[in-house]
Protein backbone atom coordinates (compact mmCIF):
# COMPACT_ATOMS: atom_id res chain seq x y z
CA MET A 1 75.38 107.38 113.84
CA SER A 2 75.39 109.56 116.95
CA LYS A 3 75.07 108.03 120.44
CA LYS A 4 71.73 109.81 120.83
CA ASN A 5 70.32 108.26 117.66
CA SER A 6 71.75 104.87 118.62
CA ARG A 7 70.00 104.99 122.01
CA LYS A 8 66.79 106.05 120.29
CA ASN A 9 66.99 103.15 117.84
CA ASN A 10 67.66 100.68 120.66
CA SER A 11 64.63 101.98 122.53
CA VAL A 12 62.46 101.55 119.46
CA VAL A 13 63.71 97.98 118.97
CA LYS A 14 63.06 97.11 122.61
CA LEU A 15 59.57 98.62 122.40
CA LYS A 16 58.75 96.59 119.30
CA GLN A 17 60.12 93.41 120.89
CA SER A 18 58.09 94.03 124.04
CA SER A 19 54.93 94.50 122.00
CA ALA A 20 55.61 91.35 119.98
CA ALA A 21 56.38 89.39 123.15
CA SER A 22 53.00 90.37 124.62
CA ILE A 23 51.25 89.00 121.56
CA TYR A 24 53.05 85.66 121.81
CA ILE A 25 52.49 85.48 125.57
CA ASN A 26 48.77 86.11 125.24
CA ARG A 27 48.41 83.58 122.43
CA ALA A 28 50.40 80.95 124.34
CA GLN A 29 48.18 81.47 127.39
CA VAL A 30 45.10 80.69 125.31
CA PHE A 31 46.61 77.46 123.96
CA LEU A 32 47.79 76.37 127.41
CA ARG A 33 44.41 77.14 128.97
CA ASP A 34 42.79 74.92 126.33
CA ASN A 35 45.25 72.08 127.04
CA GLU A 36 46.91 72.51 123.63
CA ILE A 37 50.26 72.22 125.34
CA GLN A 38 52.55 71.72 122.36
CA ARG A 39 51.00 74.65 120.49
CA GLY A 40 51.51 76.78 123.58
CA ILE A 41 55.13 75.73 123.83
CA ASN A 42 55.67 76.40 120.13
CA MET A 43 54.19 79.87 120.53
CA LEU A 44 56.61 80.63 123.39
CA LEU A 45 59.54 79.37 121.32
CA GLN A 46 58.51 81.63 118.44
CA GLY A 47 58.21 84.53 120.85
CA ILE A 48 61.73 83.99 122.11
CA LYS A 49 63.04 84.11 118.55
CA VAL A 50 61.44 87.54 118.16
CA ALA A 51 62.19 88.82 121.67
CA PRO A 52 65.10 86.76 123.04
CA GLU A 53 65.64 89.14 125.98
CA ASN A 54 62.10 88.86 127.34
CA ALA A 55 62.28 87.28 130.80
CA VAL A 56 58.57 86.41 130.96
CA LEU A 57 58.75 84.30 127.80
CA HIS A 58 61.68 82.31 129.20
CA ALA A 59 59.93 81.90 132.56
CA MET A 60 56.71 80.64 130.95
CA LEU A 61 58.61 78.24 128.70
CA GLY A 62 60.63 76.96 131.65
CA GLU A 63 57.42 76.20 133.53
CA GLN A 64 55.82 74.30 130.66
CA LEU A 65 58.93 72.29 129.83
CA GLY A 66 59.27 71.34 133.49
CA LYS A 67 55.66 70.19 133.68
CA HIS A 68 56.15 67.92 130.69
CA GLY A 69 59.31 66.09 131.60
CA ARG A 70 62.01 68.24 130.01
CA ALA A 71 63.87 69.12 133.18
CA GLU A 72 67.20 70.28 131.74
CA ALA A 73 65.60 72.54 129.15
CA SER A 74 63.29 73.91 131.83
CA ILE A 75 66.22 74.82 134.07
CA LYS A 76 68.01 76.52 131.16
CA HIS A 77 65.07 78.85 130.49
CA TYR A 78 64.48 79.58 134.18
CA GLU A 79 68.15 80.51 134.50
CA LYS A 80 67.89 82.76 131.44
CA ALA A 81 64.80 84.46 132.89
CA LEU A 82 66.63 85.22 136.14
CA MET A 83 69.68 86.43 134.29
CA LEU A 84 67.44 88.93 132.48
CA ASP A 85 65.45 89.85 135.58
CA PRO A 86 67.10 88.72 138.86
CA ASP A 87 64.16 89.93 140.97
CA MET A 88 61.55 87.53 139.58
CA LEU A 89 60.59 85.95 142.90
CA ILE A 90 58.32 83.24 141.49
CA VAL A 91 61.01 82.17 139.03
CA GLN A 92 63.51 81.94 141.89
CA ALA A 93 61.14 79.55 143.68
CA LYS A 94 60.41 77.49 140.58
CA LEU A 95 64.06 77.22 139.60
CA ALA A 96 64.85 76.12 143.16
CA GLN A 97 62.20 73.39 142.81
CA ALA A 98 63.67 72.32 139.48
CA TYR A 99 67.15 72.13 141.02
CA SER A 100 65.78 70.12 143.96
CA GLN A 101 64.13 67.62 141.62
CA GLN A 102 67.59 67.06 140.13
CA ASN A 103 69.07 66.74 143.64
CA ARG A 104 71.04 69.95 143.04
CA PHE A 105 70.47 71.14 146.59
CA ASN A 106 73.57 73.36 146.69
CA ASP A 107 72.06 75.34 143.81
CA ALA A 108 68.52 75.32 145.20
CA GLU A 109 69.14 76.43 148.78
CA PRO A 110 70.67 79.89 148.10
CA LEU A 111 67.77 80.74 145.78
CA ILE A 112 65.19 79.69 148.36
CA ASN A 113 66.91 81.61 151.15
CA LYS A 114 67.09 84.70 148.95
CA ALA A 115 63.41 84.40 148.12
CA LEU A 116 62.46 83.86 151.78
CA ASN A 117 64.34 86.99 152.79
CA ALA A 118 62.69 89.02 150.03
CA ALA A 119 59.16 87.70 150.53
CA PRO A 120 58.66 85.83 153.82
CA SER A 121 54.88 85.73 153.27
CA ASN A 122 54.90 84.28 149.76
CA PRO A 123 53.39 80.75 149.75
CA SER A 124 55.23 79.58 146.63
CA VAL A 125 58.60 80.05 148.36
CA TYR A 126 57.54 77.68 151.15
CA ILE A 127 56.42 75.15 148.54
CA ALA A 128 59.89 75.32 146.97
CA TYR A 129 61.49 74.84 150.38
CA GLY A 130 59.20 71.89 151.09
CA VAL A 131 60.09 70.23 147.78
CA MET A 132 63.80 70.58 148.57
CA GLN A 133 63.41 69.06 152.03
CA GLN A 134 61.21 66.26 150.72
CA ARG A 135 63.83 65.33 148.15
CA ARG A 136 66.47 65.37 150.88
CA GLY A 137 64.42 62.95 152.95
CA LYS A 138 63.76 65.56 155.64
CA LEU A 139 60.05 64.88 155.65
CA PRO A 140 58.96 66.49 158.95
CA ASP A 141 60.45 69.79 157.79
CA ALA A 142 58.93 69.35 154.32
CA VAL A 143 55.43 68.80 155.74
CA GLU A 144 55.82 71.86 157.96
CA HIS A 145 56.69 74.07 154.98
CA PHE A 146 53.91 72.72 152.75
CA ARG A 147 51.44 73.44 155.57
CA LYS A 148 52.91 76.92 155.99
CA ALA A 149 52.34 77.59 152.27
CA LEU A 150 48.68 76.58 152.56
CA THR A 151 48.23 78.66 155.72
CA LEU A 152 49.64 81.75 154.01
CA LYS A 153 47.48 81.16 150.95
CA LEU A 154 44.38 81.00 153.15
CA GLU A 155 45.29 84.43 154.49
CA GLN A 156 45.31 85.95 150.99
CA PRO A 157 41.66 86.34 149.88
CA ASP A 158 42.66 88.20 146.72
CA ILE A 159 44.48 85.08 145.48
CA ALA A 160 41.54 82.88 146.46
CA ALA A 161 39.23 85.14 144.45
CA LYS A 162 41.43 84.77 141.39
CA ASP A 163 41.36 81.02 141.79
CA ALA A 164 37.57 81.07 142.00
CA ALA A 165 37.47 83.01 138.75
CA LYS A 166 39.87 80.60 137.06
CA LYS A 167 37.51 77.68 137.40
CA THR A 168 34.91 79.49 135.25
CA LEU A 169 37.23 79.64 132.25
CA PRO A 170 36.21 77.25 129.47
CA ARG A 171 38.68 74.44 128.90
CA LYS A 172 38.97 72.08 126.00
CA LYS A 173 39.03 68.40 126.81
CA ARG A 174 42.54 66.99 126.72
CA GLU A 175 43.18 65.07 123.57
CA ASP A 176 43.13 61.30 123.99
CA PHE A 177 46.30 59.38 123.37
CA ASN A 178 46.47 56.69 120.70
CA LYS A 179 44.61 53.96 122.54
CA PRO A 180 45.00 51.13 119.99
CA GLU A 181 48.73 51.74 119.65
CA THR A 182 49.29 52.01 123.40
CA GLU A 183 47.18 48.94 124.13
CA GLU A 184 49.22 47.00 121.58
CA LEU A 185 52.36 48.23 123.33
CA LEU A 186 50.93 47.09 126.68
CA TRP A 187 50.28 43.55 125.43
CA ASP A 188 53.65 43.33 123.67
CA THR A 189 55.42 44.52 126.83
CA LEU A 190 53.62 42.04 129.09
CA ASN A 191 54.47 39.26 126.65
CA GLN A 192 58.14 40.26 126.46
CA LEU A 193 58.36 40.32 130.25
CA ALA A 194 56.65 36.94 130.56
CA MET A 195 59.08 35.43 128.05
CA ALA A 196 61.94 36.87 130.13
CA ASN A 197 60.60 35.01 133.18
CA VAL A 198 59.24 38.19 134.80
CA HIS A 199 55.84 37.81 136.45
CA ALA A 200 54.54 41.25 135.48
CA PHE A 201 50.84 42.10 135.54
CA ALA A 202 48.56 45.11 134.99
CA VAL A 203 47.80 47.19 138.11
CA TYR A 204 46.31 50.53 139.20
CA GLY A 205 44.81 52.63 136.41
CA THR A 206 45.82 50.14 133.73
CA SER A 207 44.00 47.32 135.50
CA LEU A 208 41.05 49.63 136.24
CA GLY A 209 40.65 50.41 132.55
CA LEU A 210 41.01 46.80 131.41
CA VAL A 211 38.49 45.47 133.94
CA ARG A 212 35.97 48.31 134.00
CA GLU A 213 36.12 49.54 130.41
CA GLY A 214 37.69 46.70 128.45
CA GLY A 215 40.70 48.81 127.49
CA LEU A 216 42.97 51.57 128.67
CA ILE A 217 41.30 54.64 130.17
CA SER A 218 41.21 57.31 127.47
CA PHE A 219 42.89 60.05 129.52
CA ASP A 220 45.53 57.76 131.07
CA LYS A 221 48.87 58.33 129.38
CA ASP A 222 51.02 55.74 131.07
CA ILE A 223 51.08 52.01 131.72
CA ASP A 224 51.10 50.64 135.27
CA LEU A 225 52.65 47.23 135.84
CA GLY A 226 53.30 45.28 139.03
CA LEU A 227 55.83 42.51 139.60
CA PRO A 228 57.66 40.77 142.44
CA HIS A 229 60.28 43.19 143.69
CA THR A 230 62.93 40.46 143.40
CA GLU A 231 62.41 40.48 139.62
CA MET A 232 62.77 44.24 139.16
CA GLU A 233 66.31 44.27 137.73
CA ARG A 234 65.46 41.48 135.29
CA ALA A 235 62.39 43.46 134.18
CA VAL A 236 64.41 46.64 133.62
CA ARG A 237 67.00 44.76 131.53
CA CYS A 238 64.24 43.14 129.48
CA LEU A 239 62.58 46.46 128.73
CA GLU A 240 65.90 48.11 127.87
CA ASN A 241 66.39 45.38 125.26
CA ASN A 242 62.99 46.20 123.78
CA GLY A 243 63.15 49.94 123.18
CA TRP A 244 62.57 51.34 126.68
CA VAL A 245 64.85 53.83 128.46
CA GLU A 246 64.79 54.22 132.22
CA THR A 247 63.98 57.64 133.64
CA PRO A 248 66.45 58.07 136.51
CA ASN A 249 64.77 58.74 139.84
CA GLN A 250 67.11 60.26 142.40
CA PHE A 251 64.39 60.27 145.03
CA LEU A 252 62.65 56.86 145.09
CA THR A 253 63.79 53.25 144.78
CA ASN A 254 60.25 52.07 144.04
CA PRO A 255 58.51 52.41 141.65
CA ARG A 256 60.81 52.56 138.60
CA SER A 257 59.80 54.42 135.43
CA MET A 258 60.76 53.86 131.81
CA VAL A 259 59.88 55.66 128.58
CA HIS A 260 59.53 53.99 125.20
CA SER A 261 62.12 55.54 122.90
CA VAL A 262 59.80 55.60 119.87
CA LYS A 263 56.23 55.78 121.18
CA LYS A 264 57.02 58.09 124.11
CA VAL A 265 54.76 56.14 126.47
CA THR A 266 55.77 55.77 130.13
CA VAL A 267 55.61 52.49 132.02
CA ASP A 268 55.76 52.53 135.82
CA LEU A 269 57.04 49.32 137.43
CA SER A 270 55.88 48.78 141.01
CA GLY A 271 57.71 46.14 142.98
CA PHE A 272 55.62 44.06 145.41
CA VAL A 273 56.89 42.16 148.43
CA ILE A 274 55.16 39.47 150.50
CA ASP A 275 55.27 39.46 154.27
CA LYS A 276 56.13 35.88 155.17
CA GLU A 277 54.30 35.97 158.49
CA SER A 278 50.99 37.57 157.43
CA ASN A 279 51.14 36.67 153.71
CA GLN A 280 50.05 40.25 152.99
CA VAL A 281 51.36 41.91 149.86
CA PHE A 282 52.95 45.36 150.07
CA THR A 283 54.19 48.04 147.72
CA GLY A 284 54.53 51.81 147.86
CA PHE A 285 56.75 54.80 147.33
CA TRP A 286 60.08 54.04 148.97
CA LEU A 287 62.65 56.74 149.62
CA LYS A 288 66.29 56.29 148.74
CA GLU A 289 67.33 58.24 151.79
CA ASP A 290 68.02 56.37 155.01
CA VAL A 291 64.78 57.34 156.75
CA PRO A 292 62.52 55.49 159.20
CA HIS A 293 60.49 52.83 157.43
CA GLU A 294 57.20 54.32 158.64
CA TRP A 295 57.91 57.57 156.77
CA ASN A 296 57.50 55.80 153.42
CA ALA A 297 54.16 55.45 151.64
CA ASN A 298 53.12 51.81 151.96
CA THR A 299 49.97 50.10 150.69
CA TYR A 300 48.81 46.52 151.24
CA TYR A 301 46.91 44.19 148.91
CA PRO A 302 45.20 40.80 148.93
CA PRO A 303 47.37 37.71 148.32
CA LEU A 304 49.31 37.87 145.07
CA THR A 305 48.12 35.02 142.87
CA LEU A 306 48.74 35.07 139.15
CA LYS A 307 47.39 33.03 136.29
CA LYS A 308 48.72 32.27 132.84
CA ASP A 309 46.81 34.41 130.38
CA THR A 310 47.08 35.53 126.77
CA THR A 311 47.06 38.79 124.86
CA PRO A 312 44.29 39.48 122.31
CA ALA A 313 46.74 38.03 119.76
CA GLY A 314 47.14 34.83 121.77
CA GLU A 315 50.62 35.52 123.17
CA PRO A 316 51.35 34.32 126.73
CA ILE A 317 51.29 36.82 129.61
CA TRP A 318 50.63 36.87 133.35
CA SER A 319 47.58 38.48 134.96
CA LEU A 320 46.02 38.74 138.41
CA THR A 321 43.70 35.88 139.31
CA ASP A 322 41.31 38.27 141.09
CA PRO A 323 41.86 41.82 139.76
CA GLU A 324 38.54 43.00 141.19
CA ALA A 325 39.75 42.36 144.76
CA TRP A 326 42.84 44.45 144.06
CA LEU A 327 40.71 47.26 142.64
CA VAL A 328 38.51 47.24 145.74
CA ALA A 329 41.62 47.38 147.93
CA LEU A 330 42.94 50.47 146.14
CA TYR A 331 39.81 52.37 145.06
CA GLY A 332 37.17 51.07 147.46
CA GLU A 333 33.82 49.48 146.70
CA GLY A 334 32.92 52.30 144.30
CA TRP A 335 35.66 51.48 141.80
CA LYS A 336 33.13 50.77 139.04
CA GLU A 337 32.02 54.41 138.99
CA PRO A 338 34.43 56.80 137.23
CA ASP A 339 35.72 59.55 139.52
CA PRO A 340 37.85 62.16 137.72
CA THR A 341 38.86 63.72 141.06
CA PHE A 342 40.36 60.51 142.49
CA ASP A 343 44.09 60.90 143.18
CA THR A 344 45.50 57.45 143.93
CA VAL A 345 48.61 58.81 145.64
CA ILE A 346 46.53 60.63 148.26
CA ARG A 347 43.19 58.81 148.39
CA ALA A 348 44.25 55.16 148.15
CA LYS A 349 42.03 53.13 150.47
CA ASN A 350 44.76 50.68 151.45
CA TYR A 351 47.45 52.84 153.02
CA ILE A 352 48.95 51.25 156.11
CA ARG A 353 49.24 54.76 157.55
CA PHE A 354 48.92 58.34 156.34
CA SER A 355 52.69 58.62 156.51
CA LEU A 356 54.88 61.71 156.32
CA LEU A 357 55.60 61.02 152.64
CA VAL A 358 51.87 60.75 151.88
CA GLN A 359 51.32 64.01 153.76
CA CYS A 360 54.01 65.66 151.62
CA TYR A 361 52.17 64.59 148.49
CA ALA A 362 48.79 65.59 149.96
CA PHE A 363 49.62 69.10 151.15
CA SER A 364 51.75 69.99 148.11
CA ARG A 365 49.17 68.70 145.63
CA ILE A 366 46.32 70.47 147.40
CA TYR A 367 48.31 73.68 147.03
CA ASN A 368 49.12 73.05 143.36
CA LYS A 369 45.54 72.22 142.40
CA TRP A 370 44.31 75.28 144.27
CA GLN A 371 46.90 77.41 142.49
CA GLU A 372 45.73 76.02 139.14
CA GLY A 373 42.10 76.77 139.95
CA GLU A 374 41.21 73.05 140.11
CA ILE A 375 39.09 73.54 143.20
CA LYS A 376 37.06 70.33 142.87
CA LYS A 377 40.23 68.23 142.76
CA ALA A 378 41.75 70.19 145.63
CA MET A 379 38.59 69.65 147.67
CA ALA A 380 38.61 65.90 146.94
CA MET A 381 42.21 65.75 148.21
CA VAL A 382 41.26 67.67 151.34
CA LYS A 383 38.35 65.33 152.07
CA GLY A 384 40.57 62.30 151.40
CA SER A 385 43.16 63.65 153.84
CA LEU A 386 40.52 64.37 156.50
CA VAL A 387 39.65 60.67 156.52
CA HIS A 388 43.07 60.08 158.07
CA LEU A 389 43.48 63.40 159.92
CA PRO A 390 39.91 64.27 161.00
CA ASP A 391 41.00 66.77 163.69
CA ASP A 392 43.46 68.67 161.50
CA THR A 393 42.40 72.33 161.75
CA LEU A 394 44.25 73.37 158.58
CA LEU A 395 42.39 70.77 156.52
CA GLN A 396 39.13 71.86 158.11
CA GLN A 397 39.83 75.49 157.18
CA LEU A 398 40.68 74.46 153.62
CA GLU A 399 37.44 72.51 153.35
CA THR A 400 35.44 75.55 154.46
CA SER A 401 37.33 77.84 152.09
CA PHE A 402 36.87 75.55 149.09
CA GLU A 403 33.17 75.15 149.81
CA SER A 404 32.82 78.90 149.36
CA LEU A 405 34.58 78.69 145.98
CA LEU A 406 32.54 75.84 144.51
């Protein structure tokens, strides 16, 4: 075959692959929009089999795998996308975020600097920089970059218009998890911990569901347990002996997360401490880095008093003596009314202060929800932040902007 014919055949193959890739991309987008995540991922995987050199397919798959806990696979596909198309700015930023979440800062920083040089007005690059600095424990710098991302996004009305259009797209309700199976796992886990002399009890969304609805909340896909912080290591060993595997967290010392090896349910273990002078009970998100204590996210609760209780099957467990008081502390007096926009990390009623770490979560999540077209949730986060920062002009501008989009 002549070189001319060979080049012609290669062009035809590439054209066919590009056309096939577009079909798989469009179909995957429909599944993902409708919250059929696994079908969307499967469609992207099939597309890559047909068009393995398509950078967009690898970038989309990397994003979805990263969102659903498959960090290493996500990084692999982001790297492949950039190998195929080194100028994909958004992929540079997202890969930098993925590296940062693995504490691979030496890999993340060159990508971010390259992206900043290429597009100094792109908000997503500043988000990536903020994530890196947050993971490093450099919270003042992280907050500054998250705020810069939001400021730049406010200056781009074309993006805001797209976001406004996104919220009109019909979405299927996310499929419920297996409530009976997960509730059985909850009771078994509490019983196993009690038998191991761990005073674990239901908290947060798990407690909210049990008290308000008589069972786990249908859209809640994890289990939240509290325990004395001094018993944390004993709790982790107990769960490891009963089918759970810890998810390493290179960023926080509290809480700790574990995934059930068979049922793929996550349990978050929050350690609580008691101030001996005030008798107040504290927990929160505590950084591993050596940072000032007041930078951490700390919440306080009523006195920790537990009672001996039983599972529906009659097995012994521990539970809060007054769970309603704890729910009021966290959610406020309106805890009995469901609020799908309530983000506990940002809008908890019992923060000691709206710390730098809380601000990192607030500004980055406002950006992400805005980017996803979830304007109602973004607005709820803005209003929750304004409670603590009422004179913040950026939050005020965001509130005005979101009002025009709702």
